Amino acid sequence: MNTLINKKNLILLVLAVIFISPVLAAEKEKEDSSNELNYELLDPFYSYHAETVTLEFYDSNDNLVYKTTVSKDSPCNAELAKYLNVSDFLVESGDTSYFRLNN
């Protein structure tokens, strides 16, 4: 009778280990991934940008109308603001952004 109880306990123990191990592994994986820094969550405005960015503005005939280079420390530029207000963003390639003037 005592060996029958021990066998039942052993079977229950083995079943418990089989069913609990995936849960423990998932918890460990969740812990590991939460330790990685996610800068986008910490600062929604975080992104990599070069020290200086070149902005190029083209007209509807693909002629370069205005080109400037700006950095974080650049003073406000009224002419740049004017072009930004009358243009659409096209694409960014490396540290250069391209815009098309609205007609």
Protein backbone atom coordinates (compact mmCIF):
# COMPACT_ATOMS: atom_id res chain seq x y z
CA MET A 1 0.00 0.00 0.00
CA ASN A 2 2.84 2.38 0.86
CA THR A 3 4.55 1.77 -2.49
CA LEU A 4 1.27 2.50 -4.31
CA ILE A 5 1.06 5.93 -2.61
CA ASN A 6 4.69 6.62 -3.45
CA LYS A 7 4.07 5.70 -7.13
CA LYS A 8 1.02 8.00 -7.26
CA ASN A 9 3.03 10.83 -5.71
CA LEU A 10 5.86 10.22 -8.14
CA ILE A 11 3.47 10.27 -11.12
CA LEU A 12 1.83 13.47 -9.83
CA LEU A 13 5.24 15.05 -9.35
CA VAL A 14 6.34 14.13 -12.88
CA LEU A 15 3.09 15.49 -14.36
CA ALA A 16 3.44 18.71 -12.38
CA VAL A 17 7.01 19.20 -13.63
CA ILE A 18 5.92 18.53 -17.22
CA PHE A 19 3.09 21.06 -17.09
CA ILE A 20 4.86 23.75 -15.05
CA SER A 21 8.18 23.84 -16.94
CA PRO A 22 6.78 25.66 -20.05
CA VAL A 23 5.23 28.28 -17.77
CA LEU A 24 8.51 28.84 -15.97
CA ALA A 25 10.40 29.03 -19.27
CA ALA A 26 7.97 31.66 -20.60
CA GLU A 27 8.40 33.73 -17.44
CA LYS A 28 12.19 33.56 -17.77
CA GLU A 29 11.99 34.64 -21.43
CA LYS A 30 9.72 37.55 -20.48
CA GLU A 31 12.20 38.61 -17.79
CA ASP A 32 15.12 38.52 -20.24
CA SER A 33 13.35 40.63 -22.84
CA SER A 34 12.22 43.21 -20.27
CA ASN A 35 15.85 43.85 -19.28
CA GLU A 36 16.68 45.19 -22.75
CA LEU A 37 16.45 48.95 -23.10
CA ASN A 38 13.79 50.12 -25.51
CA TYR A 39 14.62 53.73 -26.26
CA GLU A 40 11.46 54.27 -28.28
CA LEU A 41 9.40 53.55 -25.17
CA LEU A 42 11.60 55.63 -22.90
CA ASP A 43 11.61 58.65 -25.20
CA PRO A 44 9.07 58.75 -28.04
CA PHE A 45 11.14 61.39 -29.83
CA TYR A 46 14.31 59.32 -29.75
CA SER A 47 15.77 58.42 -33.10
CA TYR A 48 19.18 58.44 -34.62
CA HIS A 49 20.02 61.56 -36.58
CA ALA A 50 23.32 62.80 -37.83
CA GLU A 51 24.81 65.95 -36.33
CA THR A 52 23.80 67.90 -39.42
CA VAL A 53 20.91 67.29 -41.80
CA THR A 54 20.69 68.56 -45.37
CA LEU A 55 17.29 69.69 -46.64
CA GLU A 56 16.69 69.98 -50.38
CA PHE A 57 13.59 71.54 -51.92
CA TYR A 58 12.58 70.86 -55.54
CA ASP A 59 9.88 72.43 -57.71
CA SER A 60 7.40 70.46 -59.84
CA ASN A 61 9.97 70.26 -62.67
CA ASP A 62 12.53 68.63 -60.34
CA ASN A 63 14.73 71.71 -60.27
CA LEU A 64 16.58 72.37 -57.03
CA VAL A 65 15.12 75.54 -55.56
CA TYR A 66 16.60 75.69 -52.07
CA LYS A 67 19.21 73.69 -50.18
CA THR A 68 20.39 74.13 -46.61
CA THR A 69 22.16 72.24 -43.87
CA VAL A 70 20.87 72.46 -40.32
CA SER A 71 21.87 71.05 -36.97
CA LYS A 72 20.28 70.90 -33.53
CA ASP A 73 22.03 74.10 -32.56
CA SER A 74 21.11 76.05 -35.72
CA PRO A 75 19.23 79.29 -35.16
CA CYS A 76 15.71 79.67 -36.57
CA ASN A 77 15.74 80.34 -40.29
CA ALA A 78 12.76 82.25 -41.72
CA GLU A 79 13.49 81.19 -45.29
CA LEU A 80 13.65 77.53 -44.29
CA ALA A 81 10.37 77.87 -42.41
CA LYS A 82 8.77 79.37 -45.52
CA TYR A 83 9.89 76.43 -47.68
CA LEU A 84 8.83 73.86 -45.09
CA ASN A 85 5.34 75.39 -44.94
CA VAL A 86 4.81 75.20 -48.72
CA SER A 87 6.29 71.77 -49.43
CA ASP A 88 5.63 68.07 -48.99
CA PHE A 89 8.16 65.64 -47.60
CA LEU A 90 9.30 63.10 -50.21
CA VAL A 91 12.03 60.88 -48.79
CA GLU A 92 15.01 60.78 -46.45
CA SER A 93 18.24 59.18 -47.56
CA GLY A 94 21.09 59.10 -45.08
CA ASP A 95 21.39 62.60 -43.65
CA THR A 96 19.53 64.32 -46.53
CA SER A 97 15.78 64.98 -46.66
CA TYR A 98 14.03 65.81 -49.92
CA PHE A 99 10.94 67.98 -50.30
CA ARG A 100 8.69 68.97 -53.23
CA LEU A 101 7.16 72.45 -53.36
CA ASN A 102 3.38 72.63 -53.63
CA ASN A 103 1.98 74.51 -56.62
